[in-house]
Amino acid sequence: MIGQAMRRADHGFTLLELMIALAIAVFIMALVLPTGSRRGDRQMVSGAARDIAQSMRLARSSAVIHNRSAAIVFDIANAAYGSGKQVTVLPRGTQMTLRTAQSEELSATEGAIRFYPDGSSTGGGVTLARGATRFNVLVDWLTGSVSIKDDSIAVRR
């Protein structure tokens, strides 16, 4: 009798057991995937914010070293920025807004943040957003120092 029960158990899983296991796997994937995409957006936007901050710091250093002003130009329409001939385009889907001095507004969709030989700047900032993720790269007009602020919206489940 025990031998017959053992032989029946050796045949594997029933269809019902497989269906339950599959349902659990789908449920877990549904919980994990949305979080993963938000994490990817966060990494993408924070990386772009760090890159912009680094470009601004380099422009400030260049202005001080070469004793002439240097600017980072932002193209809001194309989500791009750069100085001179080097232009960097932000990842697709990233939205950019610029706050700068009126004297640095080049057009309706372009503007600059300028750094001066004494280390100061026109001041302002750039906001990068993608979904609920939002980072501000801020420039102090007096000192020209650059900082990054995470203004992401907390998403509750």
C-alpha atoms as a PDB file:
ATOM      1  CA  MET A   1       0.000   0.000   0.000  1.00  0.00           C
ATOM      2  CA  ILE A   2       2.761   2.438   0.898  1.00  0.00           C
ATOM      3  CA  GLY A   3       4.664   1.494  -2.265  1.00  0.00           C
ATOM      4  CA  GLN A   4       1.662   2.401  -4.437  1.00  0.00           C
ATOM      5  CA  ALA A   5       1.351   5.818  -2.772  1.00  0.00           C
ATOM      6  CA  MET A   6       5.050   6.483  -3.323  1.00  0.00           C
ATOM      7  CA  ARG A   7       4.804   5.595  -7.017  1.00  0.00           C
ATOM      8  CA  ARG A   8       1.915   8.009  -7.544  1.00  0.00           C
ATOM      9  CA  ALA A   9       3.855  10.839  -5.863  1.00  0.00           C
ATOM     10  CA  ASP A  10       6.863  10.281  -8.142  1.00  0.00           C
ATOM     11  CA  HIS A  11       4.980  11.389 -11.253  1.00  0.00           C
ATOM     12  CA  GLY A  12       5.557  15.162 -10.648  1.00  0.00           C
ATOM     13  CA  PHE A  13       3.238  18.091 -10.091  1.00  0.00           C
ATOM     14  CA  THR A  14      -0.468  18.209 -10.829  1.00  0.00           C
ATOM     15  CA  LEU A  15      -1.877  20.795 -13.193  1.00  0.00           C
ATOM     16  CA  LEU A  16      -3.473  22.620 -10.256  1.00  0.00           C
ATOM     17  CA  GLU A  17      -0.122  22.888  -8.457  1.00  0.00           C
ATOM     18  CA  LEU A  18       1.529  24.308 -11.596  1.00  0.00           C
ATOM     19  CA  MET A  19      -1.266  26.845 -12.071  1.00  0.00           C
ATOM     20  CA  ILE A  20      -0.924  28.047  -8.462  1.00  0.00           C
ATOM     21  CA  ALA A  21       2.867  28.360  -8.801  1.00  0.00           C
ATOM     22  CA  LEU A  22       2.435  30.339 -12.038  1.00  0.00           C
ATOM     23  CA  ALA A  23      -0.136  32.654 -10.443  1.00  0.00           C
ATOM     24  CA  ILE A  24       2.256  33.384  -7.571  1.00  0.00           C
ATOM     25  CA  ALA A  25       5.102  34.108 -10.011  1.00  0.00           C
ATOM     26  CA  VAL A  26       2.913  36.522 -12.029  1.00  0.00           C
ATOM     27  CA  PHE A  27       1.835  38.295  -8.833  1.00  0.00           C
ATOM     28  CA  ILE A  28       5.449  38.772  -7.728  1.00  0.00           C
ATOM     29  CA  MET A  29       6.465  40.066 -11.176  1.00  0.00           C
ATOM     30  CA  ALA A  30       3.590  42.562 -11.098  1.00  0.00           C
ATOM     31  CA  LEU A  31       4.936  43.969  -7.838  1.00  0.00           C
ATOM     32  CA  VAL A  32       8.602  44.075  -8.865  1.00  0.00           C
ATOM     33  CA  LEU A  33       8.513  45.418 -12.447  1.00  0.00           C
ATOM     34  CA  PRO A  34       6.929  48.843 -11.815  1.00  0.00           C
ATOM     35  CA  THR A  35       9.433  49.503  -9.039  1.00  0.00           C
ATOM     36  CA  GLY A  36      12.279  48.555 -11.353  1.00  0.00           C
ATOM     37  CA  SER A  37      11.213  51.029 -14.033  1.00  0.00           C
ATOM     38  CA  ARG A  38      10.933  53.833 -11.483  1.00  0.00           C
ATOM     39  CA  ARG A  39      14.390  52.947 -10.212  1.00  0.00           C
ATOM     40  CA  GLY A  40      15.692  53.105 -13.791  1.00  0.00           C
ATOM     41  CA  ASP A  41      14.136  56.558 -14.293  1.00  0.00           C
ATOM     42  CA  ARG A  42      15.696  57.731 -11.050  1.00  0.00           C
ATOM     43  CA  GLN A  43      19.165  56.531 -12.025  1.00  0.00           C
ATOM     44  CA  MET A  44      18.860  58.032 -15.494  1.00  0.00           C
ATOM     45  CA  VAL A  45      17.751  61.464 -14.287  1.00  0.00           C
ATOM     46  CA  SER A  46      20.179  61.613 -11.356  1.00  0.00           C
ATOM     47  CA  GLY A  47      23.028  60.662 -13.717  1.00  0.00           C
ATOM     48  CA  ALA A  48      22.044  63.424 -16.134  1.00  0.00           C
ATOM     49  CA  ALA A  49      21.851  65.912 -13.241  1.00  0.00           C
ATOM     50  CA  ARG A  50      25.352  64.915 -12.099  1.00  0.00           C
ATOM     51  CA  ASP A  51      26.652  65.343 -15.663  1.00  0.00           C
ATOM     52  CA  ILE A  52      25.134  68.829 -15.951  1.00  0.00           C
ATOM     53  CA  ALA A  53      26.536  69.807 -12.548  1.00  0.00           C
ATOM     54  CA  GLN A  54      29.985  68.598 -13.602  1.00  0.00           C
ATOM     55  CA  SER A  55      29.775  70.604 -16.849  1.00  0.00           C
ATOM     56  CA  MET A  56      28.845  73.699 -14.867  1.00  0.00           C
ATOM     57  CA  ARG A  57      31.726  73.197 -12.442  1.00  0.00           C
ATOM     58  CA  LEU A  58      34.123  72.828 -15.373  1.00  0.00           C
ATOM     59  CA  ALA A  59      32.759  76.017 -16.953  1.00  0.00           C
ATOM     60  CA  ARG A  60      33.254  77.886 -13.666  1.00  0.00           C
ATOM     61  CA  SER A  61      36.821  76.583 -13.368  1.00  0.00           C
ATOM     62  CA  SER A  62      37.534  77.540 -16.971  1.00  0.00           C
ATOM     63  CA  ALA A  63      36.222  81.071 -16.381  1.00  0.00           C
ATOM     64  CA  VAL A  64      38.494  81.517 -13.365  1.00  0.00           C
ATOM     65  CA  ILE A  65      41.586  79.946 -14.964  1.00  0.00           C
ATOM     66  CA  HIS A  66      41.322  81.743 -18.318  1.00  0.00           C
ATOM     67  CA  ASN A  67      40.069  85.026 -16.828  1.00  0.00           C
ATOM     68  CA  ARG A  68      37.068  85.238 -19.180  1.00  0.00           C
ATOM     69  CA  SER A  69      33.418  84.293 -18.803  1.00  0.00           C
ATOM     70  CA  ALA A  70      32.207  80.827 -19.767  1.00  0.00           C
ATOM     71  CA  ALA A  71      28.649  79.666 -20.304  1.00  0.00           C
ATOM     72  CA  ILE A  72      26.657  76.468 -20.506  1.00  0.00           C
ATOM     73  CA  VAL A  73      23.879  76.799 -23.091  1.00  0.00           C
ATOM     74  CA  PHE A  74      20.626  74.862 -22.662  1.00  0.00           C
ATOM     75  CA  ASP A  75      18.291  73.943 -25.516  1.00  0.00           C
ATOM     76  CA  ILE A  76      14.988  73.155 -23.823  1.00  0.00           C
ATOM     77  CA  ALA A  77      13.192  72.123 -27.033  1.00  0.00           C
ATOM     78  CA  ASN A  78      15.739  69.386 -27.770  1.00  0.00           C
ATOM     79  CA  ALA A  79      16.623  68.569 -24.131  1.00  0.00           C
ATOM     80  CA  ALA A  80      20.294  69.287 -24.793  1.00  0.00           C
ATOM     81  CA  TYR A  81      23.076  71.362 -23.258  1.00  0.00           C
ATOM     82  CA  GLY A  82      26.677  72.204 -23.907  1.00  0.00           C
ATOM     83  CA  SER A  83      29.491  74.675 -24.142  1.00  0.00           C
ATOM     84  CA  GLY A  84      31.304  75.437 -27.348  1.00  0.00           C
ATOM     85  CA  LYS A  85      31.039  72.636 -29.883  1.00  0.00           C
ATOM     86  CA  GLN A  86      30.351  69.857 -27.378  1.00  0.00           C
ATOM     87  CA  VAL A  87      26.606  69.200 -27.038  1.00  0.00           C
ATOM     88  CA  THR A  88      25.028  66.549 -24.825  1.00  0.00           C
ATOM     89  CA  VAL A  89      21.492  65.329 -25.450  1.00  0.00           C
ATOM     90  CA  LEU A  90      19.539  64.063 -22.457  1.00  0.00           C
ATOM     91  CA  PRO A  91      17.968  60.580 -22.482  1.00  0.00           C
ATOM     92  CA  ARG A  92      14.720  60.382 -24.429  1.00  0.00           C
ATOM     93  CA  GLY A  93      11.680  61.273 -22.335  1.00  0.00           C
ATOM     94  CA  THR A  94      13.590  63.542 -19.955  1.00  0.00           C
ATOM     95  CA  GLN A  95      12.009  66.976 -19.595  1.00  0.00           C
ATOM     96  CA  MET A  96      14.154  70.029 -18.931  1.00  0.00           C
ATOM     97  CA  THR A  97      13.262  73.478 -17.630  1.00  0.00           C
ATOM     98  CA  LEU A  98      15.693  76.368 -17.208  1.00  0.00           C
ATOM     99  CA  ARG A  99      15.726  79.310 -14.793  1.00  0.00           C
ATOM    100  CA  THR A 100      18.291  81.940 -15.664  1.00  0.00           C
ATOM    101  CA  ALA A 101      18.881  85.676 -15.775  1.00  0.00           C
ATOM    102  CA  GLN A 102      16.896  87.547 -18.395  1.00  0.00           C
ATOM    103  CA  SER A 103      20.147  88.675 -20.022  1.00  0.00           C
ATOM    104  CA  GLU A 104      21.018  85.004 -20.681  1.00  0.00           C
ATOM    105  CA  GLU A 105      17.740  84.121 -22.448  1.00  0.00           C
ATOM    106  CA  LEU A 106      18.880  83.493 -26.019  1.00  0.00           C
ATOM    107  CA  SER A 107      15.467  82.586 -27.476  1.00  0.00           C
ATOM    108  CA  ALA A 108      12.126  81.168 -26.374  1.00  0.00           C
ATOM    109  CA  THR A 109      13.684  77.717 -26.001  1.00  0.00           C
ATOM    110  CA  GLU A 110      17.369  78.476 -25.356  1.00  0.00           C
ATOM    111  CA  GLY A 111      19.214  80.080 -22.498  1.00  0.00           C
ATOM    112  CA  ALA A 112      22.517  80.000 -20.680  1.00  0.00           C
ATOM    113  CA  ILE A 113      24.041  80.086 -17.242  1.00  0.00           C
ATOM    114  CA  ARG A 114      27.231  82.140 -17.315  1.00  0.00           C
ATOM    115  CA  PHE A 115      30.233  81.975 -14.991  1.00  0.00           C
ATOM    116  CA  TYR A 116      32.573  84.931 -14.482  1.00  0.00           C
ATOM    117  CA  PRO A 117      36.356  85.126 -13.849  1.00  0.00           C
ATOM    118  CA  ASP A 118      35.797  85.999 -10.167  1.00  0.00           C
ATOM    119  CA  GLY A 119      33.910  82.703  -9.690  1.00  0.00           C
ATOM    120  CA  SER A 120      30.446  84.249  -9.545  1.00  0.00           C
ATOM    121  CA  SER A 121      27.673  83.504 -12.044  1.00  0.00           C
ATOM    122  CA  THR A 122      24.354  84.673 -13.398  1.00  0.00           C
ATOM    123  CA  GLY A 123      22.789  82.072 -11.132  1.00  0.00           C
ATOM    124  CA  GLY A 124      19.769  79.975 -11.899  1.00  0.00           C
ATOM    125  CA  GLY A 125      19.058  76.338 -12.285  1.00  0.00           C
ATOM    126  CA  VAL A 126      17.947  73.460 -14.429  1.00  0.00           C
ATOM    127  CA  THR A 127      15.197  71.002 -13.539  1.00  0.00           C
ATOM    128  CA  LEU A 128      15.253  67.523 -15.031  1.00  0.00           C
ATOM    129  CA  ALA A 129      12.132  65.389 -14.765  1.00  0.00           C
ATOM    130  CA  ARG A 130      10.983  61.998 -15.888  1.00  0.00           C
ATOM    131  CA  GLY A 131       7.780  60.621 -14.415  1.00  0.00           C
ATOM    132  CA  ALA A 132       7.788  61.141 -10.646  1.00  0.00           C
ATOM    133  CA  THR A 133      11.553  61.702 -10.604  1.00  0.00           C
ATOM    134  CA  ARG A 134      12.744  65.300 -10.466  1.00  0.00           C
ATOM    135  CA  PHE A 135      16.226  66.735  -9.851  1.00  0.00           C
ATOM    136  CA  ASN A 136      17.263  70.394  -9.687  1.00  0.00           C
ATOM    137  CA  VAL A 137      20.774  71.527 -10.534  1.00  0.00           C
ATOM    138  CA  LEU A 138      21.158  74.903  -8.851  1.00  0.00           C
ATOM    139  CA  VAL A 139      23.795  77.608  -9.302  1.00  0.00           C
ATOM    140  CA  ASP A 140      24.395  80.258  -6.638  1.00  0.00           C
ATOM    141  CA  TRP A 141      24.887  83.636  -8.325  1.00  0.00           C
ATOM    142  CA  LEU A 142      27.283  85.000  -5.712  1.00  0.00           C
ATOM    143  CA  THR A 143      29.690  82.084  -5.346  1.00  0.00           C
ATOM    144  CA  GLY A 144      29.001  80.171  -8.558  1.00  0.00           C
ATOM    145  CA  SER A 145      28.728  76.975  -6.514  1.00  0.00           C
ATOM    146  CA  VAL A 146      26.675  74.181  -8.056  1.00  0.00           C
ATOM    147  CA  SER A 147      24.420  71.852  -6.092  1.00  0.00           C
ATOM    148  CA  ILE A 148      21.930  69.092  -6.880  1.00  0.00           C
ATOM    149  CA  LYS A 149      18.601  68.776  -5.105  1.00  0.00           C
ATOM    150  CA  ASP A 150      16.352  65.727  -5.334  1.00  0.00           C
ATOM    151  CA  ASP A 151      12.746  66.930  -5.662  1.00  0.00           C
ATOM    152  CA  SER A 152      11.267  63.577  -6.678  1.00  0.00           C
ATOM    153  CA  ILE A 153       7.647  63.001  -5.860  1.00  0.00           C
ATOM    154  CA  ALA A 154       7.105  60.174  -3.411  1.00  0.00           C
ATOM    155  CA  VAL A 155       4.926  57.532  -5.032  1.00  0.00           C
ATOM    156  CA  ARG A 156       2.710  55.601  -2.670  1.00  0.00           C
ATOM    157  CA  ARG A 157       1.248  52.222  -3.365  1.00  0.00           C
END
